[in-house]
C-alpha atoms as a PDB file:
ATOM      1  CA  MET A   1    -122.632 132.024 -30.008  1.00  0.00           C
ATOM      2  CA  ASN A   2    -119.997 129.449 -30.910  1.00  0.00           C
ATOM      3  CA  GLU A   3    -120.754 126.957 -33.656  1.00  0.00           C
ATOM      4  CA  THR A   4    -118.114 124.486 -32.456  1.00  0.00           C
ATOM      5  CA  SER A   5    -116.454 123.388 -29.226  1.00  0.00           C
ATOM      6  CA  ASP A   6    -113.240 125.146 -28.258  1.00  0.00           C
ATOM      7  CA  ARG A   7    -110.824 122.195 -28.206  1.00  0.00           C
ATOM      8  CA  TRP A   8    -111.882 119.770 -30.934  1.00  0.00           C
ATOM      9  CA  ALA A   9    -114.229 121.893 -33.074  1.00  0.00           C
ATOM     10  CA  LEU A  10    -117.124 119.524 -32.381  1.00  0.00           C
ATOM     11  CA  PRO A  11    -120.361 120.921 -33.804  1.00  0.00           C
ATOM     12  CA  LEU A  12    -122.613 122.346 -31.101  1.00  0.00           C
ATOM     13  CA  LEU A  13    -126.397 122.136 -30.993  1.00  0.00           C
ATOM     14  CA  HIS A  14    -128.527 125.281 -30.752  1.00  0.00           C
ATOM     15  CA  ALA A  15    -132.060 125.802 -29.489  1.00  0.00           C
ATOM     16  CA  GLY A  16    -134.567 125.540 -32.309  1.00  0.00           C
ATOM     17  CA  GLN A  17    -131.994 124.061 -34.691  1.00  0.00           C
ATOM     18  CA  ALA A  18    -133.420 121.857 -37.431  1.00  0.00           C
ATOM     19  CA  GLN A  19    -131.927 118.395 -38.014  1.00  0.00           C
ATOM     20  CA  LYS A  20    -129.968 118.319 -34.755  1.00  0.00           C
ATOM     21  CA  GLU A  21    -129.180 114.657 -35.356  1.00  0.00           C
ATOM     22  CA  ILE A  22    -126.795 115.634 -38.175  1.00  0.00           C
ATOM     23  CA  MET A  23    -124.712 117.857 -35.899  1.00  0.00           C
ATOM     24  CA  HIS A  24    -124.893 115.339 -33.058  1.00  0.00           C
ATOM     25  CA  ASN A  25    -123.779 112.447 -35.277  1.00  0.00           C
ATOM     26  CA  GLU A  26    -120.891 114.519 -36.679  1.00  0.00           C
ATOM     27  CA  ALA A  27    -119.674 115.213 -33.143  1.00  0.00           C
ATOM     28  CA  LEU A  28    -119.947 111.529 -32.219  1.00  0.00           C
ATOM     29  CA  ALA A  29    -117.984 110.494 -35.337  1.00  0.00           C
ATOM     30  CA  ARG A  30    -115.103 112.805 -34.335  1.00  0.00           C
ATOM     31  CA  ILE A  31    -115.177 111.665 -30.718  1.00  0.00           C
ATOM     32  CA  ASP A  32    -115.085 108.055 -31.938  1.00  0.00           C
ATOM     33  CA  MET A  33    -111.880 108.835 -33.859  1.00  0.00           C
ATOM     34  CA  LEU A  34    -110.106 110.220 -30.787  1.00  0.00           C
ATOM     35  CA  LEU A  35    -111.374 108.285 -27.782  1.00  0.00           C
ATOM     36  CA  HIS A  36    -108.686 105.756 -26.845  1.00  0.00           C
ATOM     37  CA  GLY A  37    -107.367 106.400 -30.323  1.00  0.00           C
ATOM     38  CA  VAL A  38    -105.523 103.960 -32.501  1.00  0.00           C
ATOM     39  CA  VAL A  39    -104.422 104.814 -36.023  1.00  0.00           C
ATOM     40  CA  GLU A  40    -103.298 102.372 -38.674  1.00  0.00           C
ATOM     41  CA  SER A  41    -100.229 104.389 -39.703  1.00  0.00           C
ATOM     42  CA  ALA A  42     -98.615 107.801 -39.595  1.00  0.00           C
ATOM     43  CA  ASP A  43     -96.702 107.293 -42.834  1.00  0.00           C
ATOM     44  CA  LEU A  44     -99.343 107.542 -45.577  1.00  0.00           C
ATOM     45  CA  ALA A  45     -99.713 110.747 -47.581  1.00  0.00           C
ATOM     46  CA  ALA A  46    -102.531 109.414 -49.784  1.00  0.00           C
ATOM     47  CA  PRO A  47    -105.729 107.763 -48.594  1.00  0.00           C
ATOM     48  CA  PRO A  48    -105.785 103.958 -48.670  1.00  0.00           C
ATOM     49  CA  THR A  49    -107.816 102.442 -51.475  1.00  0.00           C
ATOM     50  CA  ALA A  50    -110.064 100.231 -49.334  1.00  0.00           C
ATOM     51  CA  PRO A  51    -110.464 101.715 -45.840  1.00  0.00           C
ATOM     52  CA  VAL A  52    -112.819 100.109 -43.336  1.00  0.00           C
ATOM     53  CA  ALA A  53    -115.262 102.251 -41.372  1.00  0.00           C
ATOM     54  CA  GLY A  54    -113.657 103.154 -38.054  1.00  0.00           C
ATOM     55  CA  GLN A  55    -110.065 103.045 -39.280  1.00  0.00           C
ATOM     56  CA  CYS A  56    -107.950 106.182 -38.793  1.00  0.00           C
ATOM     57  CA  TRP A  57    -104.583 107.502 -39.965  1.00  0.00           C
ATOM     58  CA  ILE A  58    -102.284 110.398 -39.135  1.00  0.00           C
ATOM     59  CA  VAL A  59    -101.893 112.169 -42.468  1.00  0.00           C
ATOM     60  CA  ALA A  60     -98.210 112.346 -43.488  1.00  0.00           C
ATOM     61  CA  ALA A  61     -96.465 115.271 -45.176  1.00  0.00           C
ATOM     62  CA  GLY A  62     -97.175 115.742 -48.879  1.00  0.00           C
ATOM     63  CA  ALA A  63    -100.822 114.762 -48.517  1.00  0.00           C
ATOM     64  CA  SER A  64    -102.715 114.191 -51.740  1.00  0.00           C
ATOM     65  CA  GLY A  65    -106.125 113.150 -53.013  1.00  0.00           C
ATOM     66  CA  ALA A  66    -108.906 113.431 -50.446  1.00  0.00           C
ATOM     67  CA  TRP A  67    -106.225 114.165 -47.826  1.00  0.00           C
ATOM     68  CA  ALA A  68    -104.684 117.155 -49.654  1.00  0.00           C
ATOM     69  CA  GLY A  69    -104.050 120.050 -47.278  1.00  0.00           C
ATOM     70  CA  ARG A  70    -104.670 117.881 -44.198  1.00  0.00           C
ATOM     71  CA  GLU A  71    -101.077 117.087 -43.159  1.00  0.00           C
ATOM     72  CA  ALA A  72    -100.804 116.048 -39.480  1.00  0.00           C
ATOM     73  CA  HIS A  73    -104.607 115.742 -39.159  1.00  0.00           C
ATOM     74  CA  VAL A  74    -106.246 112.561 -37.951  1.00  0.00           C
ATOM     75  CA  ALA A  75    -108.195 111.161 -40.908  1.00  0.00           C
ATOM     76  CA  GLY A  76    -110.978 108.730 -40.137  1.00  0.00           C
ATOM     77  CA  TRP A  77    -113.042 106.733 -42.607  1.00  0.00           C
ATOM     78  CA  THR A  78    -116.757 106.603 -41.817  1.00  0.00           C
ATOM     79  CA  ASP A  79    -119.866 105.456 -43.657  1.00  0.00           C
ATOM     80  CA  GLY A  80    -120.200 109.095 -44.705  1.00  0.00           C
ATOM     81  CA  GLY A  81    -116.647 109.376 -46.092  1.00  0.00           C
ATOM     82  CA  TRP A  82    -113.524 110.988 -44.664  1.00  0.00           C
ATOM     83  CA  ARG A  83    -113.646 112.985 -41.435  1.00  0.00           C
ATOM     84  CA  PHE A  84    -110.679 115.043 -40.261  1.00  0.00           C
ATOM     85  CA  VAL A  85    -109.647 116.284 -36.845  1.00  0.00           C
ATOM     86  CA  ALA A  86    -106.850 118.812 -36.428  1.00  0.00           C
ATOM     87  CA  PRO A  87    -104.513 117.660 -33.646  1.00  0.00           C
ATOM     88  CA  ARG A  88    -104.072 119.653 -30.463  1.00  0.00           C
ATOM     89  CA  PRO A  89    -100.935 119.649 -28.297  1.00  0.00           C
ATOM     90  CA  GLY A  90    -100.951 116.617 -26.030  1.00  0.00           C
ATOM     91  CA  LEU A  91    -103.037 114.355 -28.272  1.00  0.00           C
ATOM     92  CA  ARG A  92    -101.637 110.805 -28.002  1.00  0.00           C
ATOM     93  CA  LEU A  93    -102.544 107.967 -30.332  1.00  0.00           C
ATOM     94  CA  GLU A  94    -101.284 104.409 -30.669  1.00  0.00           C
ATOM     95  CA  VAL A  95     -99.886 103.707 -34.144  1.00  0.00           C
ATOM     96  CA  ALA A  96    -100.555 100.092 -35.163  1.00  0.00           C
ATOM     97  CA  ASP A  97     -97.833  99.678 -37.785  1.00  0.00           C
ATOM     98  CA  ARG A  98     -95.158 101.170 -35.499  1.00  0.00           C
ATOM     99  CA  GLY A  99     -96.141  99.234 -32.409  1.00  0.00           C
ATOM    100  CA  HIS A 100     -95.966 102.301 -30.166  1.00  0.00           C
ATOM    101  CA  GLY A 101     -97.667 105.605 -29.577  1.00  0.00           C
ATOM    102  CA  MET A 102     -97.130 109.067 -30.964  1.00  0.00           C
ATOM    103  CA  ALA A 103     -97.962 112.432 -29.419  1.00  0.00           C
ATOM    104  CA  TYR A 104     -98.611 115.793 -31.052  1.00  0.00           C
ATOM    105  CA  ASP A 105     -96.472 118.529 -29.481  1.00  0.00           C
ATOM    106  CA  GLY A 106     -98.153 121.487 -31.164  1.00  0.00           C
ATOM    107  CA  THR A 107     -95.807 121.434 -34.138  1.00  0.00           C
ATOM    108  CA  ALA A 108     -95.395 117.807 -35.197  1.00  0.00           C
ATOM    109  CA  TRP A 109     -96.161 114.219 -34.261  1.00  0.00           C
ATOM    110  CA  ARG A 110     -93.371 112.635 -32.180  1.00  0.00           C
ATOM    111  CA  ASP A 111     -92.729 108.948 -31.512  1.00  0.00           C
ATOM    112  CA  SER A 112     -93.163 107.877 -27.900  1.00  0.00           C
ATOM    113  CA  ALA A 113     -89.980 107.566 -25.870  1.00  0.00           C
ATOM    114  CA  VAL A 114     -91.192 104.323 -24.306  1.00  0.00           C
ATOM    115  CA  ARG A 115     -91.555 101.496 -26.801  1.00  0.00           C
ATOM    116  CA  GLY A 116     -91.751  97.731 -26.632  1.00  0.00           C
ATOM    117  CA  ASP A 117     -88.064  97.349 -27.448  1.00  0.00           C
ATOM    118  CA  GLY A 118     -86.662 100.024 -25.154  1.00  0.00           C
ATOM    119  CA  PHE A 119     -86.468 103.681 -24.192  1.00  0.00           C
ATOM    120  CA  TYR A 120     -85.580 106.341 -26.774  1.00  0.00           C
ATOM    121  CA  VAL A 121     -84.321 109.927 -26.575  1.00  0.00           C
ATOM    122  CA  GLU A 122     -84.494 111.999 -29.769  1.00  0.00           C
ATOM    123  CA  GLY A 123     -84.995 108.820 -31.792  1.00  0.00           C
ATOM    124  CA  GLN A 124     -81.936 107.040 -30.393  1.00  0.00           C
ATOM    125  CA  GLN A 125     -82.340 103.929 -28.266  1.00  0.00           C
ATOM    126  CA  ILE A 126     -80.904 104.553 -24.805  1.00  0.00           C
ATOM    127  CA  VAL A 127     -82.142 101.494 -22.914  1.00  0.00           C
ATOM    128  CA  GLY A 128     -82.976  98.225 -24.619  1.00  0.00           C
ATOM    129  CA  ALA A 129     -84.494  94.937 -23.630  1.00  0.00           C
ATOM    130  CA  ARG A 130     -83.017  93.216 -20.616  1.00  0.00           C
ATOM    131  CA  LEU A 131     -80.246  90.783 -21.536  1.00  0.00           C
ATOM    132  CA  ALA A 132     -78.854  87.804 -19.662  1.00  0.00           C
ATOM    133  CA  ALA A 133     -77.426  88.326 -16.187  1.00  0.00           C
ATOM    134  CA  ILE A 134     -73.932  89.782 -15.741  1.00  0.00           C
ATOM    135  CA  ALA A 135     -71.727  87.771 -13.434  1.00  0.00           C
ATOM    136  CA  GLY A 136     -69.795  89.478 -10.682  1.00  0.00           C
ATOM    137  CA  PRO A 137     -66.029  89.834 -11.006  1.00  0.00           C
ATOM    138  CA  ALA A 138     -64.146  86.545 -10.533  1.00  0.00           C
ATOM    139  CA  GLY A 139     -61.002  84.750 -11.673  1.00  0.00           C
ATOM    140  CA  GLY A 140     -57.796  86.180 -13.102  1.00  0.00           C
ATOM    141  CA  THR A 141     -54.185  85.711 -12.110  1.00  0.00           C
ATOM    142  CA  THR A 142     -53.881  88.977 -10.180  1.00  0.00           C
ATOM    143  CA  VAL A 143     -56.684  89.811  -7.771  1.00  0.00           C
ATOM    144  CA  ASP A 144     -57.213  93.515  -7.124  1.00  0.00           C
ATOM    145  CA  VAL A 145     -59.682  93.658  -4.239  1.00  0.00           C
ATOM    146  CA  GLU A 146     -60.397  97.390  -4.661  1.00  0.00           C
ATOM    147  CA  SER A 147     -61.165  97.039  -8.380  1.00  0.00           C
ATOM    148  CA  ARG A 148     -63.381  94.035  -7.760  1.00  0.00           C
ATOM    149  CA  GLY A 149     -65.199  95.955  -5.029  1.00  0.00           C
ATOM    150  CA  ALA A 150     -65.757  98.916  -7.362  1.00  0.00           C
ATOM    151  CA  ILE A 151     -67.023  96.680 -10.180  1.00  0.00           C
ATOM    152  CA  ALA A 152     -69.333  94.843  -7.783  1.00  0.00           C
ATOM    153  CA  ALA A 153     -70.717  98.188  -6.507  1.00  0.00           C
ATOM    154  CA  ILE A 154     -71.387  99.394 -10.076  1.00  0.00           C
ATOM    155  CA  LEU A 155     -73.154  96.138 -10.940  1.00  0.00           C
ATOM    156  CA  ALA A 156     -75.234  96.349  -7.735  1.00  0.00           C
ATOM    157  CA  ALA A 157     -76.292  99.930  -8.529  1.00  0.00           C
ATOM    158  CA  LEU A 158     -77.282  99.003 -12.095  1.00  0.00           C
ATOM    159  CA  GLN A 159     -79.254  96.033 -10.765  1.00  0.00           C
ATOM    160  CA  ALA A 160     -80.986  98.185  -8.118  1.00  0.00           C
ATOM    161  CA  HIS A 161     -82.161 100.548 -10.880  1.00  0.00           C
ATOM    162  CA  GLY A 162     -83.474  97.637 -12.930  1.00  0.00           C
ATOM    163  CA  LEU A 163     -81.020  98.174 -15.761  1.00  0.00           C
ATOM    164  CA  ILE A 164     -79.357  94.762 -15.458  1.00  0.00           C
ATOM    165  CA  SER A 165     -80.054  91.459 -13.730  1.00  0.00           C
ATOM    166  CA  MET A 166     -77.594  89.378 -11.757  1.00  0.00           C
END
């Protein structure tokens, strides 16, 4: 018989078990850390000095103190002290001090591609915030109708995809 659940290692209750409330409360504390999860930071390797019950962190590399040996785990402060949950592939948490989410891919935590200031690929911003409208081609001393038509078509395609406004 398993002592813990398969995915999140939540303690399971057994028939005739004494003090079931302890196991039940431990499971609820871990669920509370993960359900619609928000962590304070993913950049601390040592526990904060004055955590508030309910606050969580993703433990950074080089963990020390009460977090030693818990790199990449989700650390949550509770009335009973630190609780830790090992991440599973696909776990996504919002990171308050970064202003965007992170996801665990089975090896490491990765920043979300979609952030408030744009879209990122491998950490490099590809699409940023929308800027002012781009005017269509006009003016000049020599008018090249074919070039203007091509520029106008490019601008229309970019606008249709929501990449620019006109």
